[in-house]
Amino acid sequence: MLPRVIYYHAEPKGFTALDTDERRKFVRRATATLGDKPGQCSPYVLAEALL
């Protein structure tokens, strides 16, 4: 679910050049910093951060 949120909000801002490894790192960092439980991140919180 998180990769879809990244694509949806990052594309209009021109951040479409993320390769698979970069996306994976981004999801891991978002989960670590935005998650309220270990290993979990709300897609809504991620979308708000990207906006």
PDB file of N, CA and C in Angstrom:
ATOM      1  N   MET A   1       0.819  -1.202   0.000  1.00  0.00           N
ATOM      2  CA  MET A   1       0.000   0.000   0.000  1.00  0.00           C
ATOM      3  C   MET A   1       0.860   1.262   0.000  1.00  0.00           C
ATOM      4  N   LEU A   2       1.951   1.277   0.764  1.00  0.00           N
ATOM      5  CA  LEU A   2       2.781   2.470   0.834  1.00  0.00           C
ATOM      6  C   LEU A   2       3.406   2.839  -0.512  1.00  0.00           C
ATOM      7  N   PRO A   3       3.897   1.882  -1.297  1.00  0.00           N
ATOM      8  CA  PRO A   3       4.431   2.288  -2.606  1.00  0.00           C
ATOM      9  C   PRO A   3       3.393   2.978  -3.489  1.00  0.00           C
ATOM     10  N   ARG A   4       2.142   2.551  -3.412  1.00  0.00           N
ATOM     11  CA  ARG A   4       1.097   3.209  -4.209  1.00  0.00           C
ATOM     12  C   ARG A   4       0.890   4.646  -3.759  1.00  0.00           C
ATOM     13  N   VAL A   5       0.945   4.875  -2.448  1.00  0.00           N
ATOM     14  CA  VAL A   5       0.799   6.232  -1.916  1.00  0.00           C
ATOM     15  C   VAL A   5       1.954   7.098  -2.401  1.00  0.00           C
ATOM     16  N   ILE A   6       3.156   6.531  -2.401  1.00  0.00           N
ATOM     17  CA  ILE A   6       4.327   7.271  -2.875  1.00  0.00           C
ATOM     18  C   ILE A   6       4.148   7.665  -4.336  1.00  0.00           C
ATOM     19  N   TYR A   7       3.761   6.704  -5.180  1.00  0.00           N
ATOM     20  CA  TYR A   7       3.552   7.005  -6.602  1.00  0.00           C
ATOM     21  C   TYR A   7       2.492   8.084  -6.796  1.00  0.00           C
ATOM     22  N   TYR A   8       1.389   7.954  -6.085  1.00  0.00           N
ATOM     23  CA  TYR A   8       0.259   8.857  -6.269  1.00  0.00           C
ATOM     24  C   TYR A   8       0.634  10.299  -5.949  1.00  0.00           C
ATOM     25  N   HIS A   9       1.358  10.505  -4.854  1.00  0.00           N
ATOM     26  CA  HIS A   9       1.660  11.869  -4.428  1.00  0.00           C
ATOM     27  C   HIS A   9       2.995  12.392  -4.948  1.00  0.00           C
ATOM     28  N   ALA A  10       3.928  11.522  -5.266  1.00  0.00           N
ATOM     29  CA  ALA A  10       5.233  11.976  -5.722  1.00  0.00           C
ATOM     30  C   ALA A  10       5.238  12.322  -7.207  1.00  0.00           C
ATOM     31  N   GLU A  11       4.441  11.632  -7.996  1.00  0.00           N
ATOM     32  CA  GLU A  11       4.436  11.869  -9.447  1.00  0.00           C
ATOM     33  C   GLU A  11       4.103  13.312  -9.807  1.00  0.00           C
ATOM     34  N   PRO A  12       3.041  13.922  -9.250  1.00  0.00           N
ATOM     35  CA  PRO A  12       2.739  15.308  -9.616  1.00  0.00           C
ATOM     36  C   PRO A  12       3.847  16.290  -9.241  1.00  0.00           C
ATOM     37  N   LYS A  13       4.696  15.912  -8.276  1.00  0.00           N
ATOM     38  CA  LYS A  13       5.778  16.793  -7.851  1.00  0.00           C
ATOM     39  C   LYS A  13       7.070  16.524  -8.607  1.00  0.00           C
ATOM     40  N   GLY A  14       7.049  15.560  -9.539  1.00  0.00           N
ATOM     41  CA  GLY A  14       8.215  15.296 -10.364  1.00  0.00           C
ATOM     42  C   GLY A  14       9.199  14.306  -9.763  1.00  0.00           C
ATOM     43  N   PHE A  15       8.799  13.555  -8.757  1.00  0.00           N
ATOM     44  CA  PHE A  15       9.681  12.577  -8.139  1.00  0.00           C
ATOM     45  C   PHE A  15       9.385  11.178  -8.673  1.00  0.00           C
ATOM     46  N   THR A  16       9.389  11.036  -9.978  1.00  0.00           N
ATOM     47  CA  THR A  16       9.060   9.750 -10.583  1.00  0.00           C
ATOM     48  C   THR A  16      10.291   8.922 -10.897  1.00  0.00           C
ATOM     49  N   ALA A  17      11.483   9.463 -10.669  1.00  0.00           N
ATOM     50  CA  ALA A  17      12.702   8.773 -11.052  1.00  0.00           C
ATOM     51  C   ALA A  17      13.214   7.817  -9.970  1.00  0.00           C
ATOM     52  N   LEU A  18      12.402   7.507  -8.992  1.00  0.00           N
ATOM     53  CA  LEU A  18      12.837   6.587  -7.947  1.00  0.00           C
ATOM     54  C   LEU A  18      12.879   5.167  -8.495  1.00  0.00           C
ATOM     55  N   ASP A  19      14.031   4.533  -8.411  1.00  0.00           N
ATOM     56  CA  ASP A  19      14.094   3.137  -8.828  1.00  0.00           C
ATOM     57  C   ASP A  19      13.628   2.244  -7.675  1.00  0.00           C
ATOM     58  N   THR A  20      13.590   0.954  -7.896  1.00  0.00           N
ATOM     59  CA  THR A  20      13.056   0.019  -6.907  1.00  0.00           C
ATOM     60  C   THR A  20      13.800   0.103  -5.588  1.00  0.00           C
ATOM     61  N   ASP A  21      15.113   0.183  -5.627  1.00  0.00           N
ATOM     62  CA  ASP A  21      15.909   0.250  -4.407  1.00  0.00           C
ATOM     63  C   ASP A  21      15.649   1.547  -3.641  1.00  0.00           C
ATOM     64  N   GLU A  22      15.541   2.654  -4.358  1.00  0.00           N
ATOM     65  CA  GLU A  22      15.265   3.938  -3.710  1.00  0.00           C
ATOM     66  C   GLU A  22      13.876   3.948  -3.081  1.00  0.00           C
ATOM     67  N   ARG A  23      12.902   3.369  -3.771  1.00  0.00           N
ATOM     68  CA  ARG A  23      11.552   3.287  -3.202  1.00  0.00           C
ATOM     69  C   ARG A  23      11.546   2.445  -1.936  1.00  0.00           C
ATOM     70  N   ARG A  24      12.265   1.334  -1.968  1.00  0.00           N
ATOM     71  CA  ARG A  24      12.338   0.458  -0.800  1.00  0.00           C
ATOM     72  C   ARG A  24      12.945   1.207   0.393  1.00  0.00           C
ATOM     73  N   LYS A  25      14.020   1.958   0.142  1.00  0.00           N
ATOM     74  CA  LYS A  25      14.657   2.739   1.207  1.00  0.00           C
ATOM     75  C   LYS A  25      13.700   3.815   1.724  1.00  0.00           C
ATOM     76  N   PHE A  26      12.984   4.450   0.809  1.00  0.00           N
ATOM     77  CA  PHE A  26      12.036   5.486   1.210  1.00  0.00           C
ATOM     78  C   PHE A  26      10.945   4.920   2.107  1.00  0.00           C
ATOM     79  N   VAL A  27      10.402   3.760   1.731  1.00  0.00           N
ATOM     80  CA  VAL A  27       9.355   3.130   2.538  1.00  0.00           C
ATOM     81  C   VAL A  27       9.899   2.761   3.913  1.00  0.00           C
ATOM     82  N   ARG A  28      11.130   2.221   3.964  1.00  0.00           N
ATOM     83  CA  ARG A  28      11.728   1.865   5.257  1.00  0.00           C
ATOM     84  C   ARG A  28      11.913   3.100   6.135  1.00  0.00           C
ATOM     85  N   ARG A  29      12.387   4.176   5.560  1.00  0.00           N
ATOM     86  CA  ARG A  29      12.588   5.405   6.332  1.00  0.00           C
ATOM     87  C   ARG A  29      11.259   5.993   6.788  1.00  0.00           C
ATOM     88  N   ALA A  30      10.278   5.986   5.919  1.00  0.00           N
ATOM     89  CA  ALA A  30       8.961   6.496   6.303  1.00  0.00           C
ATOM     90  C   ALA A  30       8.366   5.663   7.427  1.00  0.00           C
ATOM     91  N   THR A  31       8.509   4.356   7.326  1.00  0.00           N
ATOM     92  CA  THR A  31       7.986   3.478   8.371  1.00  0.00           C
ATOM     93  C   THR A  31       8.695   3.741   9.690  1.00  0.00           C
ATOM     94  N   ALA A  32      10.006   3.935   9.640  1.00  0.00           N
ATOM     95  CA  ALA A  32      10.775   4.156  10.870  1.00  0.00           C
ATOM     96  C   ALA A  32      10.462   5.501  11.509  1.00  0.00           C
ATOM     97  N   THR A  33      10.215   6.518  10.698  1.00  0.00           N
ATOM     98  CA  THR A  33      10.026   7.852  11.262  1.00  0.00           C
ATOM     99  C   THR A  33       8.567   8.241  11.463  1.00  0.00           C
ATOM    100  N   LEU A  34       7.678   7.723  10.647  1.00  0.00           N
ATOM    101  CA  LEU A  34       6.278   8.133  10.713  1.00  0.00           C
ATOM    102  C   LEU A  34       5.376   7.095  11.363  1.00  0.00           C
ATOM    103  N   GLY A  35       5.903   5.912  11.598  1.00  0.00           N
ATOM    104  CA  GLY A  35       5.071   4.844  12.144  1.00  0.00           C
ATOM    105  C   GLY A  35       4.787   5.024  13.620  1.00  0.00           C
ATOM    106  N   ASP A  36       3.590   4.649  14.010  1.00  0.00           N
ATOM    107  CA  ASP A  36       3.245   4.712  15.431  1.00  0.00           C
ATOM    108  C   ASP A  36       3.427   3.355  16.108  1.00  0.00           C
ATOM    109  N   LYS A  37       3.654   2.324  15.326  1.00  0.00           N
ATOM    110  CA  LYS A  37       3.946   0.982  15.824  1.00  0.00           C
ATOM    111  C   LYS A  37       5.174   0.478  15.077  1.00  0.00           C
ATOM    112  N   PRO A  38       5.987  -0.372  15.697  1.00  0.00           N
ATOM    113  CA  PRO A  38       7.175  -0.882  15.002  1.00  0.00           C
ATOM    114  C   PRO A  38       6.821  -1.578  13.681  1.00  0.00           C
ATOM    115  N   GLY A  39       7.463  -1.158  12.606  1.00  0.00           N
ATOM    116  CA  GLY A  39       7.262  -1.776  11.301  1.00  0.00           C
ATOM    117  C   GLY A  39       5.986  -1.399  10.591  1.00  0.00           C
ATOM    118  N   GLN A  40       5.265  -0.390  11.098  1.00  0.00           N
ATOM    119  CA  GLN A  40       4.008   0.011  10.460  1.00  0.00           C
ATOM    120  C   GLN A  40       3.968   1.517  10.278  1.00  0.00           C
ATOM    121  N   CYS A  41       3.376   1.926   9.185  1.00  0.00           N
ATOM    122  CA  CYS A  41       3.182   3.344   8.905  1.00  0.00           C
ATOM    123  C   CYS A  41       1.828   3.503   8.231  1.00  0.00           C
ATOM    124  N   SER A  42       1.057   4.416   8.730  1.00  0.00           N
ATOM    125  CA  SER A  42      -0.251   4.671   8.135  1.00  0.00           C
ATOM    126  C   SER A  42      -0.075   5.316   6.762  1.00  0.00           C
ATOM    127  N   PRO A  43      -0.764   4.820   5.745  1.00  0.00           N
ATOM    128  CA  PRO A  43      -0.673   5.463   4.429  1.00  0.00           C
ATOM    129  C   PRO A  43      -1.185   6.900   4.464  1.00  0.00           C
ATOM    130  N   TYR A  44      -2.089   7.201   5.382  1.00  0.00           N
ATOM    131  CA  TYR A  44      -2.615   8.554   5.500  1.00  0.00           C
ATOM    132  C   TYR A  44      -1.548   9.508   6.036  1.00  0.00           C
ATOM    133  N   VAL A  45      -0.763   9.039   7.001  1.00  0.00           N
ATOM    134  CA  VAL A  45       0.315   9.851   7.557  1.00  0.00           C
ATOM    135  C   VAL A  45       1.389  10.073   6.488  1.00  0.00           C
ATOM    136  N   LEU A  46       1.699   9.036   5.725  1.00  0.00           N
ATOM    137  CA  LEU A  46       2.683   9.170   4.660  1.00  0.00           C
ATOM    138  C   LEU A  46       2.196  10.160   3.600  1.00  0.00           C
ATOM    139  N   ALA A  47       0.938  10.054   3.221  1.00  0.00           N
ATOM    140  CA  ALA A  47       0.382  10.980   2.219  1.00  0.00           C
ATOM    141  C   ALA A  47       0.459  12.414   2.729  1.00  0.00           C
ATOM    142  N   GLU A  48       0.148  12.641   3.984  1.00  0.00           N
ATOM    143  CA  GLU A  48       0.220  13.980   4.568  1.00  0.00           C
ATOM    144  C   GLU A  48       1.654  14.493   4.559  1.00  0.00           C
ATOM    145  N   ALA A  49       2.611  13.638   4.845  1.00  0.00           N
ATOM    146  CA  ALA A  49       4.021  14.032   4.835  1.00  0.00           C
ATOM    147  C   ALA A  49       4.464  14.397   3.421  1.00  0.00           C
ATOM    148  N   LEU A  50       3.995  13.678   2.426  1.00  0.00           N
ATOM    149  CA  LEU A  50       4.374  13.957   1.038  1.00  0.00           C
ATOM    150  C   LEU A  50       3.726  15.242   0.520  1.00  0.00           C
ATOM    151  N   LEU A  51       2.563  15.569   1.048  1.00  0.00           N
ATOM    152  CA  LEU A  51       1.889  16.800   0.611  1.00  0.00           C
ATOM    153  C   LEU A  51       2.604  17.989   1.170  1.00  0.00           C
TER     154      LEU A  51
END
